[in-house]
C-alpha atoms as a PDB file:
ATOM      1  CA  UNK A   1      68.176  66.064  18.635  1.00  0.00           C
ATOM      2  CA  UNK A   2      69.497  69.511  19.537  1.00  0.00           C
ATOM      3  CA  UNK A   3      72.580  70.646  17.636  1.00  0.00           C
ATOM      4  CA  UNK A   4      75.119  72.123  19.993  1.00  0.00           C
ATOM      5  CA  UNK A   5      76.393  75.604  18.980  1.00  0.00           C
ATOM      6  CA  UNK A   6      79.971  75.985  18.404  1.00  0.00           C
ATOM      7  CA  UNK A   7      81.683  78.503  20.776  1.00  0.00           C
ATOM      8  CA  UNK A   8      82.448  81.016  17.952  1.00  0.00           C
ATOM      9  CA  UNK A   9      78.688  80.846  17.044  1.00  0.00           C
ATOM     10  CA  UNK A  10      77.875  81.721  20.521  1.00  0.00           C
ATOM     11  CA  UNK A  11      80.312  84.670  20.406  1.00  0.00           C
ATOM     12  CA  UNK A  12      78.817  85.875  17.062  1.00  0.00           C
ATOM     13  CA  UNK A  13      75.395  85.739  18.489  1.00  0.00           C
ATOM     14  CA  UNK A  14      76.308  87.664  21.473  1.00  0.00           C
ATOM     15  CA  UNK A  15      77.951  90.312  19.424  1.00  0.00           C
ATOM     16  CA  UNK A  16      74.819  90.498  17.181  1.00  0.00           C
ATOM     17  CA  UNK A  17      72.503  90.845  20.128  1.00  0.00           C
ATOM     18  CA  UNK A  18      74.587  93.178  22.280  1.00  0.00           C
ATOM     19  CA  UNK A  19      76.746  95.061  19.732  1.00  0.00           C
ATOM     20  CA  UNK A  20      80.269  94.060  21.064  1.00  0.00           C
ATOM     21  CA  UNK A  21      82.137  91.794  23.576  1.00  0.00           C
ATOM     22  CA  UNK A  22      85.231  91.866  25.729  1.00  0.00           C
ATOM     23  CA  UNK A  23      87.146  88.930  26.955  1.00  0.00           C
ATOM     24  CA  UNK A  24      85.729  89.375  30.463  1.00  0.00           C
ATOM     25  CA  UNK A  25      82.100  89.350  29.123  1.00  0.00           C
ATOM     26  CA  UNK A  26      82.891  86.313  27.073  1.00  0.00           C
ATOM     27  CA  UNK A  27      83.948  84.421  30.182  1.00  0.00           C
ATOM     28  CA  UNK A  28      81.219  85.647  32.490  1.00  0.00           C
ATOM     29  CA  UNK A  29      78.287  85.511  30.027  1.00  0.00           C
ATOM     30  CA  UNK A  30      79.319  82.598  27.785  1.00  0.00           C
ATOM     31  CA  UNK A  31      81.758  80.572  29.854  1.00  0.00           C
ATOM     32  CA  UNK A  32      84.202  80.786  26.956  1.00  0.00           C
ATOM     33  CA  UNK A  33      87.819  81.570  28.016  1.00  0.00           C
ATOM     34  CA  UNK A  34      89.734  82.275  24.709  1.00  0.00           C
ATOM     35  CA  UNK A  35      87.829  85.100  22.919  1.00  0.00           C
ATOM     36  CA  UNK A  36      90.708  86.106  20.571  1.00  0.00           C
ATOM     37  CA  UNK A  37      90.833  82.473  19.278  1.00  0.00           C
ATOM     38  CA  UNK A  38      87.198  82.446  18.491  1.00  0.00           C
ATOM     39  CA  UNK A  39      87.424  85.780  16.792  1.00  0.00           C
ATOM     40  CA  UNK A  40      90.338  84.402  14.772  1.00  0.00           C
ATOM     41  CA  UNK A  41      88.182  81.414  13.801  1.00  0.00           C
ATOM     42  CA  UNK A  42      85.345  83.692  12.668  1.00  0.00           C
ATOM     43  CA  UNK A  43      87.782  85.811  10.677  1.00  0.00           C
ATOM     44  CA  UNK A  44      88.742  82.630   8.827  1.00  0.00           C
ATOM     45  CA  UNK A  45      85.224  82.281   7.910  1.00  0.00           C
ATOM     46  CA  UNK A  46      85.054  85.727   6.420  1.00  0.00           C
ATOM     47  CA  UNK A  47      83.860  87.964   9.265  1.00  0.00           C
ATOM     48  CA  UNK A  48      85.567  91.221   9.806  1.00  0.00           C
ATOM     49  CA  UNK A  49      85.764  92.688  13.366  1.00  0.00           C
ATOM     50  CA  UNK A  50      86.620  96.115  14.662  1.00  0.00           C
ATOM     51  CA  UNK A  51      89.027  95.790  17.649  1.00  0.00           C
ATOM     52  CA  UNK A  52      88.785  98.814  19.925  1.00  0.00           C
ATOM     53  CA  UNK A  53      91.489  98.916  22.536  1.00  0.00           C
ATOM     54  CA  UNK A  54      90.340 100.169  25.928  1.00  0.00           C
ATOM     55  CA  UNK A  55      92.714 101.250  28.695  1.00  0.00           C
ATOM     56  CA  UNK A  56      91.510 101.455  32.264  1.00  0.00           C
ATOM     57  CA  UNK A  57      92.957 101.131  35.734  1.00  0.00           C
ATOM     58  CA  UNK A  58      92.774  97.699  37.495  1.00  0.00           C
ATOM     59  CA  UNK A  59      92.032  97.279  41.153  1.00  0.00           C
ATOM     60  CA  UNK A  60      95.606  97.939  42.014  1.00  0.00           C
ATOM     61  CA  UNK A  61      95.759 101.343  40.124  1.00  0.00           C
ATOM     62  CA  UNK A  62      97.797  99.936  37.226  1.00  0.00           C
ATOM     63  CA  UNK A  63      96.800 100.714  33.658  1.00  0.00           C
ATOM     64  CA  UNK A  64      95.608  97.712  31.700  1.00  0.00           C
ATOM     65  CA  UNK A  65      94.438  97.480  28.059  1.00  0.00           C
ATOM     66  CA  UNK A  66      92.003  95.055  26.699  1.00  0.00           C
ATOM     67  CA  UNK A  67      90.011  94.849  23.366  1.00  0.00           C
ATOM     68  CA  UNK A  68      86.307  95.196  22.710  1.00  0.00           C
ATOM     69  CA  UNK A  69      85.262  93.392  19.517  1.00  0.00           C
ATOM     70  CA  UNK A  70      82.378  94.425  17.391  1.00  0.00           C
ATOM     71  CA  UNK A  71      81.211  93.105  13.853  1.00  0.00           C
ATOM     72  CA  UNK A  72      82.064  95.299  10.926  1.00  0.00           C
ATOM     73  CA  UNK A  73      81.345  92.960   8.008  1.00  0.00           C
ATOM     74  CA  UNK A  74      79.379  89.588   8.000  1.00  0.00           C
ATOM     75  CA  UNK A  75      80.671  86.655   6.099  1.00  0.00           C
ATOM     76  CA  UNK A  76      79.020  85.846   2.778  1.00  0.00           C
END
């Protein structure tokens, strides 16, 4: 029987493979909508993340800020 991965484990695996993740990448690549919640759950397990704010213009020319999460310290 295959054990289904928790969403936060999928997020963690993605970060380990690609180095970081944004909410948009989380949705398009993993189908997971609430990345900040998954990061919070992983932090509760002892993981520490770097949260880099990124500001860009959206399609309407307005500035928008989002976060890119990367792993700083793995849980023990």
